[in-house]
Amino acid sequence: MINYLIGIGLSLVLSALIGFERETQDKSAGLRTTMLICLGATLTVIFTLELVKIALPLNMSFDMIRAIAYYLCAIGFVGGGIIYGCGNKLKGITTSALLLPVSVIGFFCGLGIYPLAIISAICVYLILKLKYVKVKIEKIKKKRK
């Protein structure tokens, strides 16, 4: 039980770090959305782990991967709703793409694979911060013209 609580807590902290970055950029999937998606992934894993504990003594078969796969399908649906057209450009692609790794971070937390969850969250955060590098590169390109 304590491992589940640690996983839930870490899931919330790591997703808050990523969600805060999105929130400060005024993106559609901000702090609360990112935290809920990561928490949902963690709870999905915990739920399936508990179902396996119930199913095994009863000689019932239970495929844990299906619950995770269905969660990812649902996240894909949510991600599709975040993308929208603005003139001749698409908006929300990065935010939509963010949902998958945030879900996997939640899966890691639910499974108790905390080092991978932490490393993954740091990687996602740093990738989101690359926007500032891109902006600087664009300014340099404009100055050269």
Protein backbone atom coordinates (compact mmCIF):
# COMPACT_ATOMS: atom_id res chain seq x y z
CA MET A 1 0.00 0.00 0.00
CA ILE A 2 2.82 2.45 0.85
CA ASN A 3 4.36 1.83 -2.59
CA TYR A 4 1.10 2.82 -4.21
CA LEU A 5 0.97 6.03 -2.18
CA ILE A 6 4.57 6.85 -3.12
CA GLY A 7 3.75 6.20 -6.77
CA ILE A 8 0.68 8.42 -6.65
CA GLY A 9 2.62 11.19 -4.91
CA LEU A 10 5.54 11.02 -7.33
CA SER A 11 3.13 10.95 -10.26
CA LEU A 12 1.53 14.17 -9.03
CA VAL A 13 4.86 15.91 -8.39
CA LEU A 14 6.44 14.99 -11.73
CA SER A 15 3.35 15.85 -13.74
CA ALA A 16 3.03 19.14 -11.85
CA LEU A 17 6.55 20.06 -12.98
CA ILE A 18 5.62 19.41 -16.61
CA GLY A 19 2.15 20.91 -16.27
CA PHE A 20 3.53 24.08 -14.69
CA GLU A 21 5.72 24.62 -17.73
CA ARG A 22 2.68 24.24 -20.01
CA GLU A 23 0.60 26.50 -17.77
CA THR A 24 3.20 29.30 -17.88
CA GLN A 25 3.10 29.07 -21.69
CA ASP A 26 -0.71 29.37 -21.57
CA LYS A 27 -1.23 26.03 -23.35
CA SER A 28 -4.52 24.11 -23.53
CA ALA A 29 -3.28 21.15 -21.46
CA GLY A 30 -1.82 22.92 -18.46
CA LEU A 31 -1.15 22.00 -14.86
CA ARG A 32 -4.41 20.28 -13.92
CA THR A 33 -4.83 18.40 -17.20
CA THR A 34 -1.27 17.08 -17.15
CA MET A 35 -1.57 16.03 -13.52
CA LEU A 36 -4.89 14.27 -14.13
CA ILE A 37 -3.54 12.37 -17.13
CA CYS A 38 -0.45 11.21 -15.23
CA LEU A 39 -2.50 10.33 -12.15
CA GLY A 40 -4.98 8.42 -14.30
CA ALA A 41 -2.15 6.37 -15.79
CA THR A 42 -0.78 5.61 -12.32
CA LEU A 43 -4.20 4.61 -11.03
CA THR A 44 -4.79 2.42 -14.09
CA VAL A 45 -1.62 0.46 -13.33
CA ILE A 46 -2.46 0.18 -9.62
CA PHE A 47 -5.98 -0.96 -10.47
CA THR A 48 -4.71 -3.65 -12.84
CA LEU A 49 -2.09 -4.84 -10.34
CA GLU A 50 -4.82 -5.27 -7.76
CA LEU A 51 -7.05 -7.09 -10.26
CA VAL A 52 -4.23 -9.52 -11.01
CA LYS A 53 -3.97 -10.26 -7.28
CA ILE A 54 -7.68 -11.11 -7.21
CA ALA A 55 -7.70 -13.05 -10.50
CA LEU A 56 -4.72 -15.34 -9.88
CA PRO A 57 -6.11 -17.26 -6.88
CA LEU A 58 -9.38 -17.76 -8.74
CA ASN A 59 -7.54 -19.16 -11.80
CA MET A 60 -8.95 -16.35 -13.91
CA SER A 61 -6.96 -14.97 -16.78
CA PHE A 62 -6.40 -11.26 -16.85
CA ASP A 63 -4.34 -9.35 -19.38
CA MET A 64 -2.86 -6.31 -17.65
CA ILE A 65 -1.53 -4.87 -20.88
CA ARG A 66 -5.05 -4.37 -22.24
CA ALA A 67 -5.97 -1.86 -19.54
CA ILE A 68 -2.80 0.11 -20.28
CA ALA A 69 -3.42 -0.07 -24.04
CA TYR A 70 -6.99 1.17 -23.62
CA TYR A 71 -5.76 4.04 -21.48
CA LEU A 72 -3.31 5.03 -24.21
CA CYS A 73 -6.14 4.89 -26.78
CA ALA A 74 -8.18 7.26 -24.63
CA ILE A 75 -5.19 9.60 -24.32
CA GLY A 76 -4.89 9.60 -28.11
CA PHE A 77 -8.51 10.72 -28.31
CA VAL A 78 -7.86 13.53 -25.82
CA GLY A 79 -4.72 14.51 -27.73
CA GLY A 80 -6.68 14.73 -30.97
CA GLY A 81 -9.06 17.15 -29.30
CA ILE A 82 -6.22 19.46 -28.30
CA ILE A 83 -5.00 20.01 -31.87
CA TYR A 84 -6.80 22.79 -33.74
CA GLY A 85 -6.36 24.85 -36.87
CA CYS A 86 -5.41 28.51 -36.71
CA GLY A 87 -5.27 30.03 -40.17
CA ASN A 88 -2.99 27.82 -42.23
CA LYS A 89 -1.17 26.47 -39.15
CA LEU A 90 -1.95 23.71 -36.68
CA LYS A 91 -1.78 24.54 -32.99
CA GLY A 92 -1.50 22.23 -30.00
CA ILE A 93 0.67 19.56 -31.59
CA THR A 94 3.42 19.71 -28.94
CA THR A 95 0.87 19.75 -26.14
CA SER A 96 -0.91 16.79 -27.71
CA ALA A 97 2.35 14.89 -28.17
CA LEU A 98 3.15 15.57 -24.51
CA LEU A 99 0.24 13.43 -23.31
CA LEU A 100 1.83 10.11 -24.28
CA PRO A 101 5.10 10.49 -22.35
CA VAL A 102 3.19 11.94 -19.40
CA SER A 103 1.03 8.80 -19.41
CA VAL A 104 4.10 6.57 -19.50
CA ILE A 105 5.59 8.51 -16.58
CA GLY A 106 2.38 7.67 -14.72
CA PHE A 107 2.74 4.00 -15.68
CA PHE A 108 6.30 3.99 -14.32
CA CYS A 109 5.08 5.51 -11.07
CA GLY A 110 2.30 2.95 -10.75
CA LEU A 111 4.72 0.09 -11.36
CA GLY A 112 7.21 1.47 -8.83
CA ILE A 113 9.89 2.17 -11.44
CA TYR A 114 10.67 5.55 -9.91
CA PRO A 115 14.12 6.25 -11.46
CA LEU A 116 12.72 5.89 -14.98
CA ALA A 117 9.77 8.08 -14.07
CA ILE A 118 12.06 10.83 -12.76
CA ILE A 119 14.49 10.65 -15.69
CA SER A 120 11.60 10.64 -18.17
CA ALA A 121 9.96 13.67 -16.54
CA ILE A 122 13.25 15.59 -16.62
CA CYS A 123 13.69 14.71 -20.31
CA VAL A 124 10.16 15.87 -21.16
CA TYR A 125 10.67 19.11 -19.23
CA LEU A 126 13.97 19.82 -21.01
CA ILE A 127 12.44 19.07 -24.40
CA LEU A 128 9.67 21.56 -23.68
CA LYS A 129 12.30 24.14 -22.77
CA LEU A 130 13.90 23.73 -26.23
CA LYS A 131 11.28 26.21 -27.44
CA TYR A 132 13.46 28.97 -26.06
CA VAL A 133 16.41 27.69 -28.09
CA LYS A 134 14.20 27.62 -31.19
CA VAL A 135 13.11 31.23 -30.60
CA LYS A 136 16.74 32.35 -30.28
CA ILE A 137 17.69 30.52 -33.48
CA GLU A 138 14.83 32.24 -35.32
CA LYS A 139 16.02 35.64 -34.07
CA ILE A 140 19.55 34.92 -35.30
CA LYS A 141 18.18 33.87 -38.71
CA LYS A 142 16.20 37.14 -38.97
CA LYS A 143 19.28 39.21 -38.14
CA ARG A 144 21.27 37.48 -40.91
CA LYS A 145 18.67 38.43 -43.55
